[in-house]
All heavy atoms as atom14 arrays in JSON, in Angstrom:
{
  "sequence": "QAPGKQREWVATIRSGGTTNYAGSVWGRFTVSRDNAKNTVYL",
  "atom14_mask": [
    [1, 1, 1, 1, 1, 1, 1, 1, 1, 0, 0, 0, 0, 0],
    [1, 1, 1, 1, 1, 0, 0, 0, 0, 0, 0, 0, 0, 0],
    [1, 1, 1, 1, 1, 1, 1, 0, 0, 0, 0, 0, 0, 0],
    [1, 1, 1, 1, 0, 0, 0, 0, 0, 0, 0, 0, 0, 0],
    [1, 1, 1, 1, 1, 1, 1, 1, 1, 0, 0, 0, 0, 0],
    [1, 1, 1, 1, 1, 1, 1, 1, 1, 0, 0, 0, 0, 0],
    [1, 1, 1, 1, 1, 1, 1, 1, 1, 1, 1, 0, 0, 0],
    [1, 1, 1, 1, 1, 1, 1, 1, 1, 0, 0, 0, 0, 0],
    [1, 1, 1, 1, 1, 1, 1, 1, 1, 1, 1, 1, 1, 1],
    [1, 1, 1, 1, 1, 1, 1, 0, 0, 0, 0, 0, 0, 0],
    [1, 1, 1, 1, 1, 0, 0, 0, 0, 0, 0, 0, 0, 0],
    [1, 1, 1, 1, 1, 1, 1, 0, 0, 0, 0, 0, 0, 0],
    [1, 1, 1, 1, 1, 1, 1, 1, 0, 0, 0, 0, 0, 0],
    [1, 1, 1, 1, 1, 1, 1, 1, 1, 1, 1, 0, 0, 0],
    [1, 1, 1, 1, 1, 1, 0, 0, 0, 0, 0, 0, 0, 0],
    [1, 1, 1, 1, 0, 0, 0, 0, 0, 0, 0, 0, 0, 0],
    [1, 1, 1, 1, 0, 0, 0, 0, 0, 0, 0, 0, 0, 0],
    [1, 1, 1, 1, 1, 1, 1, 0, 0, 0, 0, 0, 0, 0],
    [1, 1, 1, 1, 1, 1, 1, 0, 0, 0, 0, 0, 0, 0],
    [1, 1, 1, 1, 1, 1, 1, 1, 0, 0, 0, 0, 0, 0],
    [1, 1, 1, 1, 1, 1, 1, 1, 1, 1, 1, 1, 0, 0],
    [1, 1, 1, 1, 1, 0, 0, 0, 0, 0, 0, 0, 0, 0],
    [1, 1, 1, 1, 0, 0, 0, 0, 0, 0, 0, 0, 0, 0],
    [1, 1, 1, 1, 1, 1, 0, 0, 0, 0, 0, 0, 0, 0],
    [1, 1, 1, 1, 1, 1, 1, 0, 0, 0, 0, 0, 0, 0],
    [1, 1, 1, 1, 1, 1, 1, 1, 1, 1, 1, 1, 1, 1],
    [1, 1, 1, 1, 0, 0, 0, 0, 0, 0, 0, 0, 0, 0],
    [1, 1, 1, 1, 1, 1, 1, 1, 1, 1, 1, 0, 0, 0],
    [1, 1, 1, 1, 1, 1, 1, 1, 1, 1, 1, 0, 0, 0],
    [1, 1, 1, 1, 1, 1, 1, 0, 0, 0, 0, 0, 0, 0],
    [1, 1, 1, 1, 1, 1, 1, 0, 0, 0, 0, 0, 0, 0],
    [1, 1, 1, 1, 1, 1, 0, 0, 0, 0, 0, 0, 0, 0],
    [1, 1, 1, 1, 1, 1, 1, 1, 1, 1, 1, 0, 0, 0],
    [1, 1, 1, 1, 1, 1, 1, 1, 0, 0, 0, 0, 0, 0],
    [1, 1, 1, 1, 1, 1, 1, 1, 0, 0, 0, 0, 0, 0],
    [1, 1, 1, 1, 1, 0, 0, 0, 0, 0, 0, 0, 0, 0],
    [1, 1, 1, 1, 1, 1, 1, 1, 1, 0, 0, 0, 0, 0],
    [1, 1, 1, 1, 1, 1, 1, 1, 0, 0, 0, 0, 0, 0],
    [1, 1, 1, 1, 1, 1, 1, 0, 0, 0, 0, 0, 0, 0],
    [1, 1, 1, 1, 1, 1, 1, 0, 0, 0, 0, 0, 0, 0],
    [1, 1, 1, 1, 1, 1, 1, 1, 1, 1, 1, 1, 0, 0],
    [1, 1, 1, 1, 1, 1, 1, 1, 0, 0, 0, 0, 0, 0]
  ],
  "atom14_positions": [
    [[51.84, -71.77, -72.3], [50.59, -72.04, -71.62], [49.47, -71.28, -72.32], [49.48, -70.05, -72.35], [50.65, -71.65, -70.15], [49.43, -72.08, -69.35], [49.66, -71.98, -67.85], [50.51, -71.24, -67.39], [48.89, -72.75, -67.1], [0.0, 0.0, 0.0], [0.0, 0.0, 0.0], [0.0, 0.0, 0.0], [0.0, 0.0, 0.0], [0.0, 0.0, 0.0]],
    [[48.53, -72.03, -72.85], [47.36, -71.46, -73.48], [46.26, -71.28, -72.44], [46.25, -71.96, -71.41], [46.87, -72.35, -74.62], [0.0, 0.0, 0.0], [0.0, 0.0, 0.0], [0.0, 0.0, 0.0], [0.0, 0.0, 0.0], [0.0, 0.0, 0.0], [0.0, 0.0, 0.0], [0.0, 0.0, 0.0], [0.0, 0.0, 0.0], [0.0, 0.0, 0.0]],
    [[45.33, -70.38, -72.69], [44.25, -70.16, -71.72], [43.5, -71.44, -71.4], [43.09, -72.18, -72.3], [43.34, -69.15, -72.42], [44.25, -68.42, -73.37], [45.23, -69.46, -73.84], [0.0, 0.0, 0.0], [0.0, 0.0, 0.0], [0.0, 0.0, 0.0], [0.0, 0.0, 0.0], [0.0, 0.0, 0.0], [0.0, 0.0, 0.0], [0.0, 0.0, 0.0]],
    [[43.33, -71.7, -70.12], [42.59, -72.87, -69.69], [43.32, -74.18, -69.8], [42.73, -75.23, -69.54], [0.0, 0.0, 0.0], [0.0, 0.0, 0.0], [0.0, 0.0, 0.0], [0.0, 0.0, 0.0], [0.0, 0.0, 0.0], [0.0, 0.0, 0.0], [0.0, 0.0, 0.0], [0.0, 0.0, 0.0], [0.0, 0.0, 0.0], [0.0, 0.0, 0.0]],
    [[44.59, -74.15, -70.19], [45.35, -75.37, -70.36], [46.58, -75.37, -69.47], [47.02, -74.33, -68.99], [45.76, -75.56, -71.82], [44.59, -75.73, -72.77], [45.06, -76.02, -74.18], [43.89, -76.26, -75.11], [44.36, -76.58, -76.49], [0.0, 0.0, 0.0], [0.0, 0.0, 0.0], [0.0, 0.0, 0.0], [0.0, 0.0, 0.0], [0.0, 0.0, 0.0]],
    [[47.11, -76.55, -69.26], [48.33, -76.68, -68.48], [49.52, -76.16, -69.27], [49.53, -76.15, -70.5], [48.57, -78.14, -68.1], [47.51, -78.74, -67.19], [47.88, -80.14, -66.76], [48.87, -80.34, -66.06], [47.08, -81.11, -67.17], [0.0, 0.0, 0.0], [0.0, 0.0, 0.0], [0.0, 0.0, 0.0], [0.0, 0.0, 0.0], [0.0, 0.0, 0.0]],
    [[50.51, -75.74, -68.54], [51.75, -75.33, -69.18], [52.43, -76.54, -69.8], [52.55, -77.59, -69.16], [52.67, -74.66, -68.15], [53.88, -73.98, -68.73], [54.58, -73.12, -67.68], [53.72, -72.05, -67.2], [54.1, -71.12, -66.34], [55.34, -71.13, -65.86], [53.24, -70.19, -65.94], [0.0, 0.0, 0.0], [0.0, 0.0, 0.0], [0.0, 0.0, 0.0]],
    [[52.86, -76.4, -71.03], [53.47, -77.52, -71.73], [54.89, -77.17, -72.17], [55.2, -76.03, -72.53], [52.64, -77.95, -72.94], [52.57, -76.94, -74.06], [51.9, -77.49, -75.31], [51.9, -78.71, -75.52], [51.36, -76.67, -76.09], [0.0, 0.0, 0.0], [0.0, 0.0, 0.0], [0.0, 0.0, 0.0], [0.0, 0.0, 0.0], [0.0, 0.0, 0.0]],
    [[55.72, -78.16, -72.18], [57.08, -78.01, -72.62], [57.14, -77.88, -74.14], [56.42, -78.58, -74.86], [57.9, -79.22, -72.17], [59.26, -79.3, -72.77], [60.36, -78.59, -72.41], [59.65, -80.17, -73.83], [61.43, -78.96, -73.19], [61.02, -79.92, -74.07], [58.99, -81.13, -74.61], [61.74, -80.61, -75.05], [59.7, -81.81, -75.58], [61.06, -81.54, -75.79]],
    [[57.98, -76.99, -74.61], [58.1, -76.73, -76.04], [59.45, -77.16, -76.58], [59.54, -77.84, -77.6], [57.87, -75.24, -76.34], [58.15, -74.92, -77.81], [56.45, -74.84, -75.97], [0.0, 0.0, 0.0], [0.0, 0.0, 0.0], [0.0, 0.0, 0.0], [0.0, 0.0, 0.0], [0.0, 0.0, 0.0], [0.0, 0.0, 0.0], [0.0, 0.0, 0.0]],
    [[60.52, -76.74, -75.91], [61.85, -76.99, -76.44], [62.88, -76.9, -75.34], [62.66, -76.25, -74.31], [62.2, -76.01, -77.56], [0.0, 0.0, 0.0], [0.0, 0.0, 0.0], [0.0, 0.0, 0.0], [0.0, 0.0, 0.0], [0.0, 0.0, 0.0], [0.0, 0.0, 0.0], [0.0, 0.0, 0.0], [0.0, 0.0, 0.0], [0.0, 0.0, 0.0]],
    [[64.01, -77.53, -75.57], [65.14, -77.5, -74.65], [66.41, -77.23, -75.43], [66.61, -77.77, -76.53], [65.28, -78.84, -73.91], [64.14, -79.05, -73.07], [66.55, -78.86, -73.06], [0.0, 0.0, 0.0], [0.0, 0.0, 0.0], [0.0, 0.0, 0.0], [0.0, 0.0, 0.0], [0.0, 0.0, 0.0], [0.0, 0.0, 0.0], [0.0, 0.0, 0.0]],
    [[67.27, -76.42, -74.86], [68.63, -76.31, -75.36], [69.56, -76.46, -74.17], [69.45, -75.75, -73.17], [68.89, -75.0, -76.13], [70.32, -75.0, -76.68], [68.6, -73.77, -75.28], [70.54, -73.96, -77.76], [0.0, 0.0, 0.0], [0.0, 0.0, 0.0], [0.0, 0.0, 0.0], [0.0, 0.0, 0.0], [0.0, 0.0, 0.0], [0.0, 0.0, 0.0]],
    [[70.46, -77.41, -74.26], [71.39, -77.69, -73.19], [72.64, -76.85, -73.31], [72.86, -76.18, -74.32], [71.7, -79.19, -73.14], [70.46, -80.02, -72.84], [70.73, -81.51, -72.9], [69.54, -82.26, -72.53], [68.56, -82.55, -73.37], [68.61, -82.16, -74.63], [67.51, -83.23, -72.94], [0.0, 0.0, 0.0], [0.0, 0.0, 0.0], [0.0, 0.0, 0.0]],
    [[73.43, -76.89, -72.28], [74.62, -76.06, -72.25], [75.55, -76.36, -73.42], [76.23, -75.47, -73.92], [75.35, -76.23, -70.92], [75.74, -77.58, -70.73], [0.0, 0.0, 0.0], [0.0, 0.0, 0.0], [0.0, 0.0, 0.0], [0.0, 0.0, 0.0], [0.0, 0.0, 0.0], [0.0, 0.0, 0.0], [0.0, 0.0, 0.0], [0.0, 0.0, 0.0]],
    [[75.57, -77.62, -73.84], [76.41, -77.99, -74.97], [75.8, -77.72, -76.33], [76.45, -77.96, -77.34], [0.0, 0.0, 0.0], [0.0, 0.0, 0.0], [0.0, 0.0, 0.0], [0.0, 0.0, 0.0], [0.0, 0.0, 0.0], [0.0, 0.0, 0.0], [0.0, 0.0, 0.0], [0.0, 0.0, 0.0], [0.0, 0.0, 0.0], [0.0, 0.0, 0.0]],
    [[74.57, -77.21, -76.36], [73.93, -76.85, -77.6], [72.95, -77.86, -78.17], [72.29, -77.57, -79.16], [0.0, 0.0, 0.0], [0.0, 0.0, 0.0], [0.0, 0.0, 0.0], [0.0, 0.0, 0.0], [0.0, 0.0, 0.0], [0.0, 0.0, 0.0], [0.0, 0.0, 0.0], [0.0, 0.0, 0.0], [0.0, 0.0, 0.0], [0.0, 0.0, 0.0]],
    [[72.84, -79.03, -77.56], [71.89, -80.0, -78.05], [70.47, -79.54, -77.77], [70.2, -78.87, -76.78], [72.13, -81.38, -77.43], [72.03, -81.28, -76.0], [73.5, -81.91, -77.81], [0.0, 0.0, 0.0], [0.0, 0.0, 0.0], [0.0, 0.0, 0.0], [0.0, 0.0, 0.0], [0.0, 0.0, 0.0], [0.0, 0.0, 0.0], [0.0, 0.0, 0.0]],
    [[69.56, -79.9, -78.64], [68.19, -79.43, -78.55], [67.2, -80.57, -78.63], [67.49, -81.63, -79.18], [67.88, -78.42, -79.67], [68.08, -79.06, -80.95], [68.77, -77.2, -79.57], [0.0, 0.0, 0.0], [0.0, 0.0, 0.0], [0.0, 0.0, 0.0], [0.0, 0.0, 0.0], [0.0, 0.0, 0.0], [0.0, 0.0, 0.0], [0.0, 0.0, 0.0]],
    [[66.02, -80.33, -78.09], [64.88, -81.23, -78.2], [63.63, -80.39, -78.36], [63.56, -79.26, -77.85], [64.76, -82.12, -76.97], [65.83, -83.18, -76.9], [65.78, -84.17, -77.62], [66.81, -82.98, -76.04], [0.0, 0.0, 0.0], [0.0, 0.0, 0.0], [0.0, 0.0, 0.0], [0.0, 0.0, 0.0], [0.0, 0.0, 0.0], [0.0, 0.0, 0.0]],
    [[62.64, -80.95, -79.03], [61.41, -80.22, -79.32], [60.19, -81.09, -79.08], [60.22, -82.3, -79.28], [61.4, -79.76, -80.78], [62.53, -78.85, -81.13], [63.71, -79.36, -81.66], [62.44, -77.48, -80.93], [64.77, -78.52, -81.97], [63.48, -76.64, -81.24], [64.65, -77.16, -81.76], [65.7, -76.33, -82.07], [0.0, 0.0, 0.0], [0.0, 0.0, 0.0]],
    [[59.12, -80.44, -78.67], [57.84, -81.11, -78.6], [57.35, -81.45, -80.0], [57.63, -80.74, -80.97], [56.82, -80.23, -77.88], [0.0, 0.0, 0.0], [0.0, 0.0, 0.0], [0.0, 0.0, 0.0], [0.0, 0.0, 0.0], [0.0, 0.0, 0.0], [0.0, 0.0, 0.0], [0.0, 0.0, 0.0], [0.0, 0.0, 0.0], [0.0, 0.0, 0.0]],
    [[56.62, -82.54, -80.08], [56.12, -82.96, -81.38], [55.26, -81.91, -82.06], [55.25, -81.8, -83.3], [0.0, 0.0, 0.0], [0.0, 0.0, 0.0], [0.0, 0.0, 0.0], [0.0, 0.0, 0.0], [0.0, 0.0, 0.0], [0.0, 0.0, 0.0], [0.0, 0.0, 0.0], [0.0, 0.0, 0.0], [0.0, 0.0, 0.0], [0.0, 0.0, 0.0]],
    [[54.56, -81.11, -81.29], [53.66, -80.12, -81.84], [54.38, -78.99, -82.57], [53.76, -78.29, -83.37], [52.76, -79.54, -80.75], [53.55, -78.98, -79.71], [0.0, 0.0, 0.0], [0.0, 0.0, 0.0], [0.0, 0.0, 0.0], [0.0, 0.0, 0.0], [0.0, 0.0, 0.0], [0.0, 0.0, 0.0], [0.0, 0.0, 0.0], [0.0, 0.0, 0.0]],
    [[55.66, -78.8, -82.28], [56.42, -77.72, -82.92], [57.56, -78.24, -83.76], [58.33, -77.45, -84.33], [56.95, -76.73, -81.87], [55.82, -76.21, -81.0], [58.04, -77.36, -81.01], [0.0, 0.0, 0.0], [0.0, 0.0, 0.0], [0.0, 0.0, 0.0], [0.0, 0.0, 0.0], [0.0, 0.0, 0.0], [0.0, 0.0, 0.0], [0.0, 0.0, 0.0]],
    [[57.66, -79.53, -83.88], [58.76, -80.15, -84.62], [58.81, -79.64, -86.05], [57.8, -79.62, -86.76], [58.6, -81.66, -84.62], [59.74, -82.39, -85.25], [59.86, -82.76, -86.55], [60.92, -82.84, -84.59], [61.05, -83.41, -86.75], [61.73, -83.48, -85.56], [61.38, -82.78, -83.27], [62.97, -84.03, -85.25], [62.61, -83.33, -82.96], [63.39, -83.95, -83.94]],
    [[59.98, -79.23, -86.47], [60.17, -78.74, -87.82], [59.79, -77.29, -88.03], [60.07, -76.74, -89.11], [0.0, 0.0, 0.0], [0.0, 0.0, 0.0], [0.0, 0.0, 0.0], [0.0, 0.0, 0.0], [0.0, 0.0, 0.0], [0.0, 0.0, 0.0], [0.0, 0.0, 0.0], [0.0, 0.0, 0.0], [0.0, 0.0, 0.0], [0.0, 0.0, 0.0]],
    [[59.17, -76.66, -87.05], [58.76, -75.27, -87.18], [59.51, -74.33, -86.25], [59.75, -73.18, -86.6], [57.26, -75.13, -86.91], [56.39, -75.92, -87.88], [54.91, -75.6, -87.68], [54.44, -75.99, -86.35], [53.93, -75.15, -85.45], [53.81, -73.86, -85.73], [53.52, -75.6, -84.27], [0.0, 0.0, 0.0], [0.0, 0.0, 0.0], [0.0, 0.0, 0.0]],
    [[59.86, -74.82, -85.08], [60.53, -74.0, -84.08], [61.99, -74.4, -83.96], [62.34, -75.58, -84.11], [59.88, -74.15, -82.71], [58.51, -73.56, -82.57], [57.79, -73.11, -83.67], [57.93, -73.44, -81.32], [56.52, -72.57, -83.54], [56.67, -72.9, -81.16], [55.96, -72.46, -82.27], [0.0, 0.0, 0.0], [0.0, 0.0, 0.0], [0.0, 0.0, 0.0]],
    [[62.83, -73.43, -83.66], [64.24, -73.67, -83.44], [64.69, -72.89, -82.21], [64.49, -71.68, -82.13], [65.08, -73.24, -84.65], [64.64, -73.94, -85.82], [66.56, -73.55, -84.4], [0.0, 0.0, 0.0], [0.0, 0.0, 0.0], [0.0, 0.0, 0.0], [0.0, 0.0, 0.0], [0.0, 0.0, 0.0], [0.0, 0.0, 0.0], [0.0, 0.0, 0.0]],
    [[65.29, -73.59, -81.28], [65.83, -72.94, -80.09], [67.34, -72.8, -80.26], [68.0, -73.71, -80.77], [65.45, -73.72, -78.81], [66.04, -75.13, -78.83], [65.88, -72.95, -77.57], [0.0, 0.0, 0.0], [0.0, 0.0, 0.0], [0.0, 0.0, 0.0], [0.0, 0.0, 0.0], [0.0, 0.0, 0.0], [0.0, 0.0, 0.0], [0.0, 0.0, 0.0]],
    [[67.85, -71.68, -79.86], [69.28, -71.42, -79.96], [69.7, -70.54, -78.79], [68.87, -70.06, -78.02], [69.64, -70.75, -81.29], [68.98, -69.5, -81.42], [0.0, 0.0, 0.0], [0.0, 0.0, 0.0], [0.0, 0.0, 0.0], [0.0, 0.0, 0.0], [0.0, 0.0, 0.0], [0.0, 0.0, 0.0], [0.0, 0.0, 0.0], [0.0, 0.0, 0.0]],
    [[71.0, -70.34, -78.66], [71.48, -69.5, -77.58], [72.72, -68.74, -78.01], [73.49, -69.19, -78.88], [71.77, -70.34, -76.32], [72.94, -71.31, -76.46], [72.94, -72.33, -75.34], [73.02, -71.72, -74.02], [72.63, -72.31, -72.89], [72.11, -73.54, -72.93], [72.75, -71.68, -71.74], [0.0, 0.0, 0.0], [0.0, 0.0, 0.0], [0.0, 0.0, 0.0]],
    [[72.9, -67.61, -77.4], [74.09, -66.8, -77.58], [74.59, -66.49, -76.19], [74.12, -65.57, -75.52], [73.78, -65.52, -78.35], [75.03, -64.72, -78.69], [76.07, -64.9, -78.02], [74.97, -63.9, -79.63], [0.0, 0.0, 0.0], [0.0, 0.0, 0.0], [0.0, 0.0, 0.0], [0.0, 0.0, 0.0], [0.0, 0.0, 0.0], [0.0, 0.0, 0.0]],
    [[75.53, -67.28, -75.75], [76.0, -67.14, -74.37], [76.69, -65.8, -74.14], [76.64, -65.27, -73.03], [76.95, -68.29, -74.03], [76.24, -69.61, -73.86], [75.05, -69.65, -73.53], [76.95, -70.7, -74.08], [0.0, 0.0, 0.0], [0.0, 0.0, 0.0], [0.0, 0.0, 0.0], [0.0, 0.0, 0.0], [0.0, 0.0, 0.0], [0.0, 0.0, 0.0]],
    [[77.32, -65.26, -75.16], [77.96, -63.96, -75.01], [76.95, -62.87, -74.69], [77.29, -61.88, -74.04], [78.75, -63.6, -76.26], [0.0, 0.0, 0.0], [0.0, 0.0, 0.0], [0.0, 0.0, 0.0], [0.0, 0.0, 0.0], [0.0, 0.0, 0.0], [0.0, 0.0, 0.0], [0.0, 0.0, 0.0], [0.0, 0.0, 0.0], [0.0, 0.0, 0.0]],
    [[75.72, -63.04, -75.17], [74.67, -62.07, -74.91], [73.74, -62.51, -73.79], [72.76, -61.83, -73.5], [73.85, -61.83, -76.17], [74.63, -61.2, -77.31], [73.75, -60.97, -78.52], [74.52, -60.3, -79.64], [73.68, -60.07, -80.84], [0.0, 0.0, 0.0], [0.0, 0.0, 0.0], [0.0, 0.0, 0.0], [0.0, 0.0, 0.0], [0.0, 0.0, 0.0]],
    [[74.04, -63.64, -73.18], [73.19, -64.18, -72.12], [71.74, -64.3, -72.56], [70.81, -63.96, -71.82], [73.28, -63.31, -70.86], [74.65, -63.36, -70.21], [75.23, -64.43, -70.07], [75.16, -62.2, -69.82], [0.0, 0.0, 0.0], [0.0, 0.0, 0.0], [0.0, 0.0, 0.0], [0.0, 0.0, 0.0], [0.0, 0.0, 0.0], [0.0, 0.0, 0.0]],
    [[71.55, -64.78, -73.77], [70.22, -64.81, -74.35], [69.95, -66.15, -75.01], [70.81, -66.71, -75.68], [70.06, -63.69, -75.39], [70.3, -62.43, -74.76], [68.65, -63.69, -75.97], [0.0, 0.0, 0.0], [0.0, 0.0, 0.0], [0.0, 0.0, 0.0], [0.0, 0.0, 0.0], [0.0, 0.0, 0.0], [0.0, 0.0, 0.0], [0.0, 0.0, 0.0]],
    [[68.74, -66.63, -74.82], [68.22, -67.81, -75.49], [67.1, -67.37, -76.42], [66.32, -66.48, -76.07], [67.72, -68.85, -74.47], [67.1, -70.05, -75.18], [68.87, -69.31, -73.58], [0.0, 0.0, 0.0], [0.0, 0.0, 0.0], [0.0, 0.0, 0.0], [0.0, 0.0, 0.0], [0.0, 0.0, 0.0], [0.0, 0.0, 0.0], [0.0, 0.0, 0.0]],
    [[67.02, -67.98, -77.57], [66.04, -67.6, -78.58], [65.13, -68.76, -78.91], [65.49, -69.93, -78.79], [66.73, -67.14, -79.87], [67.69, -66.01, -79.68], [69.05, -66.25, -79.53], [67.25, -64.69, -79.66], [69.94, -65.21, -79.36], [68.13, -63.65, -79.49], [69.48, -63.91, -79.34], [70.36, -62.87, -79.18], [0.0, 0.0, 0.0], [0.0, 0.0, 0.0]],
    [[63.94, -68.43, -79.36], [63.03, -69.4, -79.93], [62.51, -68.83, -81.24], [61.69, -67.91, -81.23], [61.88, -69.71, -78.98], [60.93, -70.82, -79.46], [61.64, -72.16, -79.49], [59.69, -70.9, -78.57], [0.0, 0.0, 0.0], [0.0, 0.0, 0.0], [0.0, 0.0, 0.0], [0.0, 0.0, 0.0], [0.0, 0.0, 0.0], [0.0, 0.0, 0.0]]
  ]
}
């Protein structure tokens, strides 16, 4: 969420590891997870 703007979706990572990205970050951002550490990364 940028100042004065609505909150926008950026990325999704599902329990099985599949991902989706907003067009604005495509090719630049990567979402991942480490379930052993209970952590999701961007």
